[in-house]
Protein backbone atom coordinates (compact mmCIF):
# COMPACT_ATOMS: atom_id res chain seq x y z
CA MET A 1 86.72 154.00 63.04
CA SER A 2 84.28 151.14 62.67
CA GLN A 3 85.46 147.66 61.83
CA THR A 4 83.76 148.04 58.44
CA ASN A 5 85.70 151.23 57.69
CA GLU A 6 88.95 149.58 58.80
CA LEU A 7 88.34 146.68 56.42
CA GLU A 8 87.51 149.06 53.59
CA ILE A 9 90.73 151.00 54.11
CA MET A 10 92.82 147.82 54.36
CA GLU A 11 91.24 146.54 51.15
CA ARG A 12 92.06 149.82 49.38
CA ILE A 13 95.64 149.65 50.65
CA ALA A 14 95.96 146.09 49.32
CA LEU A 15 94.69 147.23 45.93
CA ASP A 16 97.01 150.23 45.97
CA LEU A 17 100.00 148.01 46.83
CA GLY A 18 99.13 145.87 43.82
CA GLY A 19 99.30 149.03 41.73
CA VAL A 20 102.63 149.94 43.31
CA GLU A 21 104.05 146.50 42.47
CA GLU A 22 102.90 146.82 38.85
CA SER A 23 104.41 150.29 38.55
CA LEU A 24 107.70 149.15 40.07
CA ALA A 25 107.89 146.20 37.67
CA SER A 26 107.33 148.44 34.65
CA SER A 27 109.81 151.02 35.93
CA PHE A 28 112.60 148.44 36.03
CA ASN A 29 112.64 148.01 32.29
CA THR A 30 115.46 150.36 31.39
CA GLY A 31 116.82 148.74 28.26
CA ALA A 32 119.90 147.72 30.27
CA GLU A 33 119.14 144.07 30.96
CA ASP A 34 122.00 143.66 33.42
CA PHE A 35 120.46 146.33 35.61
CA ASN A 36 116.96 144.90 35.27
CA ALA A 37 118.21 141.45 36.24
CA LEU A 38 119.87 142.85 39.36
CA ILE A 39 116.94 144.95 40.56
CA ARG A 40 114.01 142.66 39.78
CA PRO A 41 114.84 139.94 42.36
CA LEU A 42 115.11 142.55 45.14
CA THR A 43 111.82 144.12 44.08
CA ALA A 44 110.06 140.78 43.69
CA ALA A 45 111.24 139.76 47.17
CA GLY A 46 109.09 142.64 48.33
CA GLY A 47 110.23 143.37 51.83
CA LYS A 48 107.73 144.76 54.31
CA ARG A 49 106.69 147.75 52.18
CA LEU A 50 106.17 149.43 55.55
CA ARG A 51 106.95 152.93 54.35
CA ALA A 52 104.63 152.67 51.37
CA GLN A 53 101.89 151.19 53.52
CA LEU A 54 102.17 154.02 56.05
CA CYS A 55 101.81 156.57 53.29
CA LEU A 56 98.86 154.73 51.73
CA LEU A 57 97.11 154.21 55.06
CA ILE A 58 97.07 157.91 55.91
CA ALA A 59 96.22 158.90 52.33
CA ASN A 60 93.31 156.45 52.16
CA ALA A 61 91.91 157.68 55.47
CA GLY A 62 91.59 161.12 53.89
CA THR A 63 90.52 162.39 50.47
CA SER A 64 93.37 161.29 48.22
CA VAL A 65 93.55 160.72 44.46
CA GLU A 66 94.29 157.07 43.65
CA ARG A 67 96.89 157.66 40.93
CA GLN A 68 98.79 160.20 43.01
CA ARG A 69 98.99 158.05 46.14
CA ILE A 70 100.16 155.00 44.15
CA ARG A 71 102.86 157.00 42.41
CA ILE A 72 104.10 158.57 45.65
CA ALA A 73 104.15 155.15 47.34
CA GLU A 74 106.13 153.80 44.38
CA ALA A 75 108.65 156.64 44.74
CA VAL A 76 108.91 155.93 48.46
CA GLU A 77 109.78 152.30 47.76
CA MET A 78 112.32 153.28 45.11
CA LEU A 79 113.96 155.65 47.55
CA HIS A 80 114.04 152.98 50.24
CA LEU A 81 115.50 150.35 47.89
CA ALA A 82 118.18 152.80 46.75
CA THR A 83 119.23 153.41 50.36
CA LEU A 84 119.37 149.66 51.02
CA ILE A 85 121.62 149.08 48.01
CA HIS A 86 123.99 151.87 49.07
CA ASP A 87 123.86 150.76 52.71
CA ASP A 88 124.82 147.21 51.68
CA VAL A 89 127.91 148.62 49.93
CA LEU A 90 128.93 150.58 53.02
CA ASP A 91 128.34 147.59 55.31
CA GLN A 92 129.62 145.03 52.76
CA ALA A 93 126.48 143.00 53.50
CA GLU A 94 126.14 139.74 51.56
CA ILE A 95 122.39 139.06 51.66
CA ARG A 96 119.34 141.31 51.30
CA ARG A 97 115.74 140.06 51.28
CA GLY A 98 117.00 136.51 50.91
CA GLU A 99 119.03 137.37 47.79
CA ASP A 100 122.72 138.06 47.25
CA THR A 101 123.34 141.80 47.39
CA ILE A 102 124.08 143.64 44.13
CA HIS A 103 127.68 144.47 45.02
CA MET A 104 128.32 140.75 45.61
CA HIS A 105 127.21 140.10 42.01
CA LYS A 106 128.67 143.04 40.15
CA GLY A 107 130.87 144.99 42.53
CA ASN A 108 130.54 148.31 44.31
CA LYS A 109 130.51 150.51 41.19
CA VAL A 110 127.47 148.82 39.67
CA ALA A 111 125.70 148.77 43.03
CA ILE A 112 126.23 152.51 43.54
CA LEU A 113 125.01 153.27 40.02
CA SER A 114 121.95 151.10 40.62
CA GLY A 115 121.09 153.05 43.76
CA ASP A 116 121.68 156.35 41.96
CA TYR A 117 119.30 155.28 39.18
CA LEU A 118 116.58 154.53 41.72
CA PHE A 119 117.08 157.93 43.37
CA ALA A 120 116.69 159.59 39.98
CA LYS A 121 113.53 157.61 39.15
CA ALA A 122 111.99 158.45 42.52
CA PHE A 123 112.58 162.16 42.04
CA GLN A 124 111.26 161.99 38.49
CA ILE A 125 107.97 160.66 39.84
CA VAL A 126 107.80 163.30 42.57
CA SER A 127 108.54 166.10 40.09
CA GLU A 128 105.33 165.16 38.24
CA MET A 129 103.15 165.80 41.30
CA PRO A 130 100.99 168.96 41.33
CA ASN A 131 102.36 170.19 44.69
CA MET A 132 106.03 171.13 45.19
CA LYS A 133 105.66 170.19 48.86
CA TYR A 134 106.14 166.53 47.90
CA LEU A 135 109.54 167.38 46.43
CA GLU A 136 110.50 169.27 49.59
CA ILE A 137 109.65 166.25 51.74
CA PHE A 138 111.61 163.83 49.54
CA SER A 139 114.60 166.19 49.49
CA HIS A 140 114.54 166.40 53.28
CA ILE A 141 114.36 162.60 53.61
CA ILE A 142 117.34 161.97 51.35
CA THR A 143 119.38 164.76 52.97
CA CYS A 144 118.84 163.23 56.41
CA LEU A 145 119.65 159.74 55.11
CA VAL A 146 122.98 160.83 53.66
CA GLU A 147 123.87 162.81 56.81
CA GLY A 148 123.15 159.68 58.85
CA GLU A 149 125.35 157.57 56.60
CA PHE A 150 128.21 160.09 56.93
CA MET A 151 127.87 159.93 60.71
CA GLN A 152 127.99 156.13 60.55
CA MET A 153 131.16 156.20 58.44
CA GLU A 154 132.80 158.73 60.76
CA ASP A 155 131.96 156.62 63.79
CA VAL A 156 134.07 153.73 62.52
CA TYR A 157 137.05 155.76 63.72
CA ARG A 158 135.49 157.14 66.92
CA ILE A 159 135.99 155.65 70.35
CA ASP A 160 133.70 158.09 72.16
CA GLN A 161 130.39 157.00 70.67
CA GLY A 162 127.48 157.29 73.05
CA ILE A 163 123.76 156.69 73.05
CA GLU A 164 122.89 160.31 72.19
CA ARG A 165 124.95 160.25 68.99
CA TYR A 166 123.56 156.87 68.04
CA MET A 167 120.01 158.15 68.58
CA THR A 168 120.79 161.08 66.25
CA LYS A 169 121.96 158.63 63.59
CA THR A 170 118.78 156.61 64.05
CA GLN A 171 116.71 159.73 63.64
CA LYS A 172 118.43 160.70 60.40
CA LYS A 173 118.60 157.22 58.84
CA THR A 174 115.24 155.78 59.90
CA ALA A 175 112.94 158.03 61.93
CA ASP A 176 113.02 161.00 59.55
CA PHE A 177 112.06 158.67 56.67
CA MET A 178 109.06 157.29 58.57
CA GLU A 179 108.10 160.80 59.60
CA GLY A 180 108.25 161.88 55.97
CA CYS A 181 105.99 159.01 54.91
CA MET A 182 103.37 160.13 57.41
CA GLU A 183 103.61 163.69 56.13
CA LEU A 184 103.29 162.51 52.52
CA GLY A 185 100.18 160.51 53.40
CA GLY A 186 98.70 163.47 55.26
CA LEU A 187 99.38 165.76 52.31
CA LEU A 188 97.84 163.29 49.86
CA GLY A 189 94.79 162.80 52.09
CA GLY A 190 94.15 166.47 52.74
CA TRP A 191 94.71 166.24 56.51
CA SER A 192 94.87 169.44 58.57
CA GLU A 193 98.28 170.91 59.40
CA SER A 194 97.80 170.29 63.13
CA GLU A 195 96.97 166.61 62.56
CA ILE A 196 99.94 166.19 60.23
CA VAL A 197 102.19 167.51 63.01
CA GLU A 198 100.95 164.73 65.34
CA LEU A 199 101.21 162.11 62.59
CA LYS A 200 104.84 163.14 62.06
CA LYS A 201 105.51 162.67 65.79
CA TYR A 202 104.06 159.17 65.50
CA GLY A 203 106.20 158.46 62.43
CA HIS A 204 109.31 159.64 64.25
CA ALA A 205 108.64 157.36 67.23
CA LEU A 206 107.80 154.48 64.89
CA GLY A 207 111.11 154.93 63.07
CA MET A 208 113.07 154.95 66.31
CA ALA A 209 111.26 151.80 67.46
CA PHE A 210 111.96 150.14 64.11
CA GLN A 211 115.72 150.71 64.43
CA ILE A 212 115.83 149.57 68.04
CA THR A 213 114.01 146.33 67.23
CA ASP A 214 116.23 145.89 64.16
CA ASP A 215 119.29 146.10 66.42
CA ILE A 216 117.72 143.59 68.80
CA LEU A 217 116.91 141.18 65.96
CA ASP A 218 120.49 141.39 64.68
CA VAL A 219 121.38 139.66 67.95
CA THR A 220 118.38 137.38 68.45
CA GLY A 221 117.12 136.65 64.90
CA THR A 222 118.00 133.99 62.33
CA ILE A 223 118.82 134.28 58.63
CA GLU A 224 115.53 132.52 57.80
CA GLU A 225 113.54 135.07 59.82
CA LEU A 226 115.42 138.18 58.71
CA GLY A 227 116.22 137.45 55.06
CA LYS A 228 119.75 138.69 55.75
CA THR A 229 122.74 137.51 57.75
CA PRO A 230 122.29 138.30 61.48
CA GLY A 231 125.18 139.43 63.66
CA SER A 232 126.64 141.81 61.05
CA ASP A 233 126.72 144.70 63.53
CA VAL A 234 128.77 142.69 66.01
CA ARG A 235 131.19 141.49 63.33
CA GLN A 236 131.78 145.06 62.15
CA HIS A 237 132.07 146.38 65.72
CA LYS A 238 129.25 148.86 65.04
CA SER A 239 127.49 150.67 67.85
CA THR A 240 123.87 149.61 68.30
CA TYR A 241 121.22 150.04 70.94
CA VAL A 242 122.13 146.57 72.19
CA SER A 243 125.87 147.27 72.40
CA LEU A 244 125.28 150.62 74.11
CA LEU A 245 122.40 149.70 76.44
CA GLY A 246 122.50 145.91 76.63
CA LEU A 247 119.70 143.67 75.36
CA GLU A 248 117.29 144.44 78.20
CA GLY A 249 118.10 148.14 78.05
CA ALA A 250 117.37 148.16 74.32
CA LYS A 251 114.03 146.47 74.91
CA GLU A 252 113.17 149.11 77.54
CA GLN A 253 114.09 151.87 75.09
CA ALA A 254 111.82 150.29 72.46
CA SER A 255 108.93 150.28 74.93
CA SER A 256 109.60 153.94 75.75
CA VAL A 257 109.42 155.13 72.14
CA GLY A 258 106.39 152.90 71.62
CA LYS A 259 104.65 154.89 74.34
CA GLN A 260 105.65 158.12 72.58
CA ALA A 261 103.98 156.83 69.41
CA HIS A 262 100.76 156.06 71.29
CA ASP A 263 100.82 159.48 72.98
CA ALA A 264 101.02 161.19 69.57
CA LEU A 265 98.02 159.22 68.33
CA ASN A 266 95.96 160.39 71.29
CA SER A 267 96.11 163.93 69.86
CA VAL A 268 94.62 162.92 66.48
CA SER A 269 90.84 163.14 66.10
CA TYR A 270 90.76 160.33 63.52
CA ASP A 271 90.43 156.79 64.91
CA THR A 272 94.04 155.57 64.84
CA SER A 273 93.50 151.97 65.95
CA ILE A 274 95.36 150.61 62.91
CA LEU A 275 98.39 152.78 63.65
CA ALA A 276 98.27 151.79 67.32
CA ALA A 277 98.22 148.11 66.36
CA LEU A 278 101.16 148.69 64.01
CA ILE A 279 103.45 150.05 66.71
CA ASP A 280 102.48 147.16 69.01
CA TYR A 281 103.24 144.65 66.24
CA LEU A 282 106.55 146.35 65.49
CA LEU A 283 107.70 146.01 69.08
CA LYS A 284 107.03 142.26 68.94
CA ARG A 285 108.25 141.53 65.40
CA THR A 286 110.65 138.71 64.55
CA ASN A 287 111.74 139.87 61.07
């Protein structure tokens, strides 16, 4: 890909993200002002929008329809926000994206209902798409997420947790979501089935790397950098890559899955320099 083409795609992604933000803002106007007031700060805080950007990047590199890719990216962000709200309840986290978590404001019941509403809105958007394959992908993502959460809850009472089980949890809670975003982008962009397979491998490795670096940052980061309270895993005695492998071992594992991501990109005919730069950035991130 030439530098000109890269800039054009990045500009389109920026425009698409603006459309996603507008759609999200209008979606959180339910008539229930309490709910709107709870959700809007989390949405306005933004977060990385990594999952939406992955989807939009792959879609824009192909032959996608603008309205469809914006709506799918919006649904991806709704799904992600719903999982964060529910995850905060399970972890009893106090801060998310620099804001007090919903359950700290209104309790667990309201937080769970808020997450459920976002799940419903996401699936409503996906149901309007012309291809049922989108619904299959979203259903797979949410199934894996819930299975991962169940494993995490079960492991509170387990003393025989090992790295293999933790890697399975990472796959279900993070990697499968990233993988799904790559598949959604490939479907939107009209990519070939063989290329989508390789993009999914990249997404899987990216998701694993994201969780490993997240575990590392929970030990090394600050509240200003992360937008949430660091050290929560240690306080809750949760298994992490750092607790299971040590800090240096976790860093080595991150480098290993980073290599897997690059290897997958080598099998894609499209110039994947942006995706390659993303995995390198992720391995060095501080938030």
